[in-house]
Amino acid sequence: MAFKSGFISIVGRPNVGKSTLVNSLTGEKISIISDKPQTTRNNLRAIITEKNYQIVFIDTPGIHKPKNKLGEFMVSTATNSLSEVNGIVYIYDATEKNIGPGDHYILEQIKQIKETPVFLVLNKIDLIKKEDLLELISKLSAEYEFTSVIPMSALKGQGVPLLSLEICKILPEGPMYYPDDIITDSPVRQICTEIIREKILNFTNEEVPHGVGVEILTYKDRPKSNIADIEATIFCEKDSHKGIIIGKNGSMLKRIGTSARIDMEKLTGGKVNLQLWVKVKDDWRNNPGMLKELGFRKN
């Protein structure tokens, strides 16, 4: 059997489960997960390699109405990913019975892409009734002729293997773009940045919005040891947010650092010495220089 390969873009509104799906596909945590929208900020590639195929999934930021330059970057990153791929996975939150303006906008973007297979993934089916699922499939199928419709619970792994099998049907013959033991082309430094941001989002609840950025200042492996020294700065937009992130007597910052270090050690397979600092940078999400410094560049 000939080897097949290709690139598949994953799109959808914020918080529909794109990052959960990516982690479920790879069996590893390479994309951060939060119950807050707009968690993913850059395209991230997850690589699935089997005996007869290699699929490179591109996890994109949730498509939403931007409120600042960072938001504009995120939406541009997501919509640009629709071109020059072999297929598109459109994830819809199955708990949403009616198609809202955000999903109508995404569908309009998809309709502009000609001759590219589009797979509809109805995620979170474990939270709805079967009759509601069938009604939703009917509504969405009336909007667009999808290549395939896959009901799924990405969190529980239900339906996830079927997605790869369906995608394989449309993949062209091609090379193995990455070694078969690689599951992402994102550098460890970038993943560590995202791990820290995930902990802030999860531990601070609704107190600190998405005005948080993280910059890895240094990442050094100690000679002749299995220890990495990592120093990072957390940027926020208000003094009140800085106080929340640090917490009483530094308790919150310690909690963030401890949890991030555990995930980093799982990622690197070694010990991590993590040092964190918090700085206020007013309105950094509208500062082109800061956005570039933190790695948000146009593709």
Protein backbone atom coordinates (compact mmCIF):
# COMPACT_ATOMS: atom_id res chain seq x y z
CA MET A 1 0.00 0.00 0.00
CA ALA A 2 1.35 3.44 -0.96
CA PHE A 3 2.26 5.85 1.84
CA LYS A 4 -0.09 8.83 2.23
CA SER A 5 0.53 12.17 3.91
CA GLY A 6 -0.93 15.62 4.21
CA PHE A 7 -1.81 18.68 6.26
CA ILE A 8 -5.18 19.16 7.98
CA SER A 9 -6.31 22.43 9.56
CA ILE A 10 -8.50 22.31 12.70
CA VAL A 11 -10.85 25.29 13.04
CA GLY A 12 -13.79 26.29 15.20
CA ARG A 13 -15.01 28.85 17.67
CA PRO A 14 -13.12 29.35 20.94
CA ASN A 15 -13.58 26.63 23.56
CA VAL A 16 -15.08 23.94 21.28
CA GLY A 17 -12.34 21.42 22.09
CA LYS A 18 -9.67 21.89 19.42
CA SER A 19 -6.75 21.56 21.83
CA THR A 20 -8.39 18.62 23.60
CA LEU A 21 -8.70 16.85 20.25
CA VAL A 22 -5.05 17.51 19.39
CA ASN A 23 -3.89 16.03 22.69
CA SER A 24 -6.21 13.05 22.26
CA LEU A 25 -4.89 12.40 18.74
CA THR A 26 -1.25 12.42 19.83
CA GLY A 27 -1.73 10.79 23.22
CA GLU A 28 0.45 13.54 24.67
CA LYS A 29 -0.16 17.01 26.07
CA ILE A 30 1.22 19.36 23.43
CA SER A 31 -1.60 21.91 23.32
CA ILE A 32 -2.81 23.78 26.40
CA ILE A 33 -6.34 23.29 27.65
CA SER A 34 -8.49 25.76 29.58
CA ASP A 35 -12.22 26.20 30.11
CA LYS A 36 -11.74 29.80 28.97
CA PRO A 37 -12.06 30.80 25.31
CA GLN A 38 -9.18 31.98 23.10
CA THR A 39 -6.61 29.80 24.85
CA THR A 40 -4.59 28.86 21.75
CA ARG A 41 -2.79 31.86 20.25
CA ASN A 42 -0.54 30.37 17.57
CA ASN A 43 -0.92 27.57 15.06
CA LEU A 44 0.48 24.37 16.55
CA ARG A 45 1.26 21.25 14.56
CA ALA A 46 0.43 17.79 15.89
CA ILE A 47 1.89 14.91 13.91
CA ILE A 48 0.23 11.49 13.71
CA THR A 49 2.34 8.79 12.03
CA GLU A 50 1.21 5.25 11.33
CA LYS A 51 2.53 2.51 9.07
CA ASN A 52 0.75 3.76 5.95
CA TYR A 53 0.19 7.46 6.59
CA GLN A 54 1.27 10.67 8.30
CA ILE A 55 -1.24 13.41 9.14
CA VAL A 56 -0.03 16.83 10.25
CA PHE A 57 -2.87 18.51 12.15
CA ILE A 58 -2.70 22.30 12.53
CA ASP A 59 -4.39 23.44 15.75
CA THR A 60 -5.51 27.05 15.28
CA PRO A 61 -6.74 29.81 17.61
CA GLY A 62 -10.50 30.00 17.99
CA ILE A 63 -12.12 32.28 15.41
CA HIS A 64 -13.80 35.20 17.18
CA LYS A 65 -14.42 38.94 16.85
CA PRO A 66 -11.06 40.53 17.76
CA LYS A 67 -10.88 43.32 20.33
CA ASN A 68 -7.17 44.12 20.06
CA LYS A 69 -4.13 43.52 17.84
CA LEU A 70 -3.45 40.18 19.53
CA GLY A 71 -7.00 39.12 18.70
CA GLU A 72 -6.52 40.26 15.09
CA PHE A 73 -3.36 38.15 14.91
CA MET A 74 -5.17 35.11 16.29
CA VAL A 75 -8.08 35.32 13.84
CA SER A 76 -5.74 35.98 10.91
CA THR A 77 -3.66 32.96 11.91
CA ALA A 78 -6.73 30.74 12.00
CA THR A 79 -8.31 31.90 8.73
CA ASN A 80 -5.00 31.80 6.85
CA SER A 81 -4.65 28.15 7.82
CA LEU A 82 -7.64 27.27 5.63
CA SER A 83 -5.61 27.71 2.47
CA GLU A 84 -3.01 25.31 1.10
CA VAL A 85 -4.04 22.32 3.24
CA ASN A 86 -5.30 18.93 2.16
CA GLY A 87 -8.38 19.10 4.35
CA ILE A 88 -10.19 21.03 7.08
CA VAL A 89 -11.63 19.73 10.35
CA TYR A 90 -14.42 22.02 11.53
CA ILE A 91 -15.26 21.42 15.19
CA TYR A 92 -18.70 22.33 16.44
CA ASP A 93 -19.79 22.27 20.08
CA ALA A 94 -22.68 19.78 20.03
CA THR A 95 -24.19 21.32 23.17
CA GLU A 96 -25.08 24.40 21.06
CA LYS A 97 -28.46 23.50 19.55
CA ASN A 98 -28.65 26.57 17.32
CA ILE A 99 -26.00 27.77 14.89
CA GLY A 100 -24.85 31.17 16.16
CA PRO A 101 -23.22 34.09 14.31
CA GLY A 102 -19.71 32.86 15.17
CA ASP A 103 -20.26 29.52 13.47
CA HIS A 104 -22.06 31.14 10.54
CA TYR A 105 -18.96 33.28 10.06
CA ILE A 106 -16.68 30.22 10.08
CA LEU A 107 -18.96 28.43 7.61
CA GLU A 108 -18.77 31.44 5.29
CA GLN A 109 -14.96 31.29 5.46
CA ILE A 110 -15.05 27.57 4.66
CA LYS A 111 -17.40 28.09 1.69
CA GLN A 112 -14.78 30.34 0.10
CA ILE A 113 -12.27 27.48 0.05
CA LYS A 114 -12.91 25.49 -3.13
CA GLU A 115 -12.34 21.75 -3.60
CA THR A 116 -10.90 21.18 -0.11
CA PRO A 117 -12.52 18.33 1.86
CA VAL A 118 -14.17 19.52 5.07
CA PHE A 119 -14.86 17.15 7.98
CA LEU A 120 -17.49 18.15 10.51
CA VAL A 121 -16.66 17.04 14.05
CA LEU A 122 -19.54 17.36 16.51
CA ASN A 123 -17.70 17.44 19.81
CA LYS A 124 -18.99 16.89 23.36
CA ILE A 125 -21.66 14.35 22.30
CA ASP A 126 -21.41 12.77 25.75
CA LEU A 127 -23.30 15.81 27.05
CA ILE A 128 -26.34 15.64 24.75
CA LYS A 129 -29.21 13.31 23.77
CA LYS A 130 -29.13 11.26 20.56
CA GLU A 131 -32.20 12.99 19.12
CA ASP A 132 -30.56 16.40 19.65
CA LEU A 133 -27.44 15.15 17.87
CA LEU A 134 -29.43 13.97 14.85
CA GLU A 135 -31.26 17.30 14.65
CA LEU A 136 -27.96 19.19 14.81
CA ILE A 137 -26.42 17.05 12.05
CA SER A 138 -29.43 17.88 9.87
CA LYS A 139 -29.09 21.63 10.53
CA LEU A 140 -25.37 21.79 9.81
CA SER A 141 -25.58 19.52 6.75
CA ALA A 142 -28.12 21.96 5.30
CA GLU A 143 -25.51 24.72 5.60
CA TYR A 144 -22.66 22.87 3.87
CA GLU A 145 -21.98 19.57 2.13
CA PHE A 146 -19.36 18.05 4.42
CA THR A 147 -17.06 15.25 3.29
CA SER A 148 -17.85 13.36 6.47
CA VAL A 149 -19.64 13.96 9.79
CA ILE A 150 -18.01 12.53 12.91
CA PRO A 151 -19.76 12.69 16.31
CA MET A 152 -17.11 12.75 19.01
CA SER A 153 -16.14 13.24 22.62
CA ALA A 154 -12.53 14.38 22.33
CA LEU A 155 -12.19 14.45 26.12
CA LYS A 156 -13.17 10.78 26.45
CA GLY A 157 -11.56 9.66 23.17
CA GLN A 158 -14.89 8.57 21.70
CA GLY A 159 -14.84 8.84 17.89
CA VAL A 160 -11.27 10.14 17.73
CA PRO A 161 -9.76 7.15 15.81
CA LEU A 162 -12.53 7.42 13.21
CA LEU A 163 -11.40 10.95 12.31
CA SER A 164 -7.94 9.78 11.22
CA LEU A 165 -9.44 6.92 9.21
CA GLU A 166 -11.80 9.28 7.39
CA ILE A 167 -9.02 11.75 6.66
CA CYS A 168 -6.82 8.98 5.24
CA LYS A 169 -9.41 8.42 2.52
CA ILE A 170 -8.69 11.85 0.98
CA LEU A 171 -4.93 12.07 1.57
CA PRO A 172 -2.69 11.98 -1.52
CA GLU A 173 0.34 9.75 -1.81
CA GLY A 174 3.26 11.62 -0.32
CA PRO A 175 6.42 11.57 1.76
CA MET A 176 6.89 11.27 5.51
CA TYR A 177 7.38 14.94 6.34
CA TYR A 178 8.61 14.27 9.89
CA PRO A 179 10.42 11.38 11.59
CA ASP A 180 7.95 8.81 12.87
CA ASP A 181 8.80 9.51 16.53
CA ILE A 182 7.95 13.23 16.34
CA ILE A 183 4.49 14.35 17.54
CA THR A 184 4.96 18.14 17.19
CA ASP A 185 7.36 20.52 15.49
CA SER A 186 6.88 23.16 18.20
CA PRO A 187 10.12 23.76 20.10
CA VAL A 188 10.20 22.76 23.76
CA ARG A 189 10.74 26.41 24.67
CA GLN A 190 7.41 27.40 23.07
CA ILE A 191 5.52 24.55 24.72
CA CYS A 192 6.94 25.55 28.11
CA THR A 193 5.66 29.08 27.52
CA GLU A 194 2.18 27.72 26.85
CA ILE A 195 2.30 25.45 29.90
CA ILE A 196 2.93 28.44 32.18
CA ARG A 197 0.08 30.39 30.56
CA GLU A 198 -2.27 27.42 30.95
CA LYS A 199 -1.60 27.27 34.70
CA ILE A 200 -2.34 30.97 35.06
CA LEU A 201 -5.63 30.60 33.17
CA ASN A 202 -6.69 27.56 35.18
CA PHE A 203 -5.66 28.69 38.66
CA THR A 204 -6.80 32.32 38.56
CA ASN A 205 -10.32 31.48 37.33
CA GLU A 206 -12.16 34.58 36.10
CA GLU A 207 -10.01 36.99 38.09
CA VAL A 208 -7.33 37.43 35.45
CA PRO A 209 -8.50 37.74 31.84
CA HIS A 210 -6.50 36.86 28.75
CA GLY A 211 -4.26 39.89 29.16
CA VAL A 212 -1.43 37.57 30.16
CA GLY A 213 1.68 36.84 28.11
CA VAL A 214 4.71 34.72 28.92
CA GLU A 215 8.29 35.08 27.72
CA ILE A 216 10.99 32.49 28.36
CA LEU A 217 14.09 34.51 29.20
CA THR A 218 16.54 31.63 29.47
CA TYR A 219 16.41 27.88 28.85
CA LYS A 220 19.69 26.17 29.68
CA ASP A 221 20.53 22.50 30.10
CA ARG A 222 23.16 21.95 32.78
CA PRO A 223 26.26 20.18 31.46
CA LYS A 224 26.55 16.49 32.35
CA SER A 225 23.18 16.45 34.13
CA ASN A 226 19.52 15.93 33.39
CA ILE A 227 18.47 19.32 34.73
CA ALA A 228 17.17 22.35 32.80
CA ASP A 229 17.21 25.88 34.24
CA ILE A 230 14.27 27.94 32.94
CA GLU A 231 13.58 31.59 33.70
CA ALA A 232 10.35 33.22 32.51
CA THR A 233 8.54 36.53 32.81
CA ILE A 234 4.75 36.74 33.07
CA PHE A 235 3.35 39.97 31.61
CA CYS A 236 -0.03 41.33 32.69
CA GLU A 237 -1.82 44.61 32.02
CA LYS A 238 -2.77 45.83 35.52
CA ASP A 239 -1.19 46.04 38.97
CA SER A 240 -4.29 44.31 40.38
CA HIS A 241 -3.68 41.35 38.04
CA LYS A 242 -0.05 41.21 39.14
CA GLY A 243 -1.21 40.94 42.75
CA ILE A 244 -3.59 38.10 41.89
CA ILE A 245 -0.94 36.17 39.97
CA ILE A 246 1.59 36.52 42.79
CA GLY A 247 -0.97 35.87 45.55
CA LYS A 248 -0.58 36.35 49.29
CA ASN A 249 3.08 35.87 50.23
CA GLY A 250 3.71 34.56 46.71
CA SER A 251 1.36 31.59 47.19
CA MET A 252 -0.33 31.75 43.77
CA LEU A 253 2.92 32.22 41.86
CA LYS A 254 4.36 29.24 43.71
CA ARG A 255 1.31 27.15 42.80
CA ILE A 256 1.60 28.16 39.14
CA GLY A 257 5.32 27.41 39.10
CA THR A 258 5.01 24.03 40.82
CA SER A 259 2.29 22.78 38.49
CA ALA A 260 4.08 24.11 35.39
CA ARG A 261 7.34 22.48 36.47
CA ILE A 262 5.64 19.07 36.83
CA ASP A 263 4.30 19.28 33.25
CA MET A 264 7.66 20.51 31.96
CA GLU A 265 9.44 17.56 33.56
CA LYS A 266 7.00 15.19 31.87
CA LEU A 267 7.70 16.95 28.59
CA THR A 268 11.50 16.96 28.86
CA GLY A 269 12.00 13.71 30.75
CA GLY A 270 14.34 15.46 33.19
CA LYS A 271 14.37 17.78 36.18
CA VAL A 272 13.41 21.44 35.77
CA ASN A 273 14.46 24.39 37.90
CA LEU A 274 11.82 27.03 37.10
CA GLN A 275 12.02 30.69 38.12
CA LEU A 276 9.09 33.06 37.45
CA TRP A 277 8.76 36.84 37.57
CA VAL A 278 5.66 39.02 37.04
CA LYS A 279 5.71 42.42 35.28
CA VAL A 280 2.99 44.91 34.38
CA LYS A 281 3.00 46.00 30.73
CA ASP A 282 0.02 48.26 30.07
CA ASP A 283 -2.04 47.37 26.98
CA TRP A 284 0.66 45.01 25.67
CA ARG A 285 -1.87 43.20 23.44
CA ASN A 286 -2.03 46.34 21.24
CA ASN A 287 1.75 46.86 21.20
CA PRO A 288 3.27 45.49 17.94
CA GLY A 289 6.76 45.43 19.48
CA MET A 290 5.59 43.38 22.47
CA LEU A 291 3.58 41.02 20.27
CA LYS A 292 6.65 40.36 18.15
CA GLU A 293 8.81 39.90 21.25
CA LEU A 294 6.38 37.30 22.61
CA GLY A 295 6.40 35.37 19.35
CA PHE A 296 3.20 36.57 17.69
CA ARG A 297 4.32 37.09 14.11
CA LYS A 298 2.35 36.92 10.90
CA ASN A 299 2.85 33.65 9.05
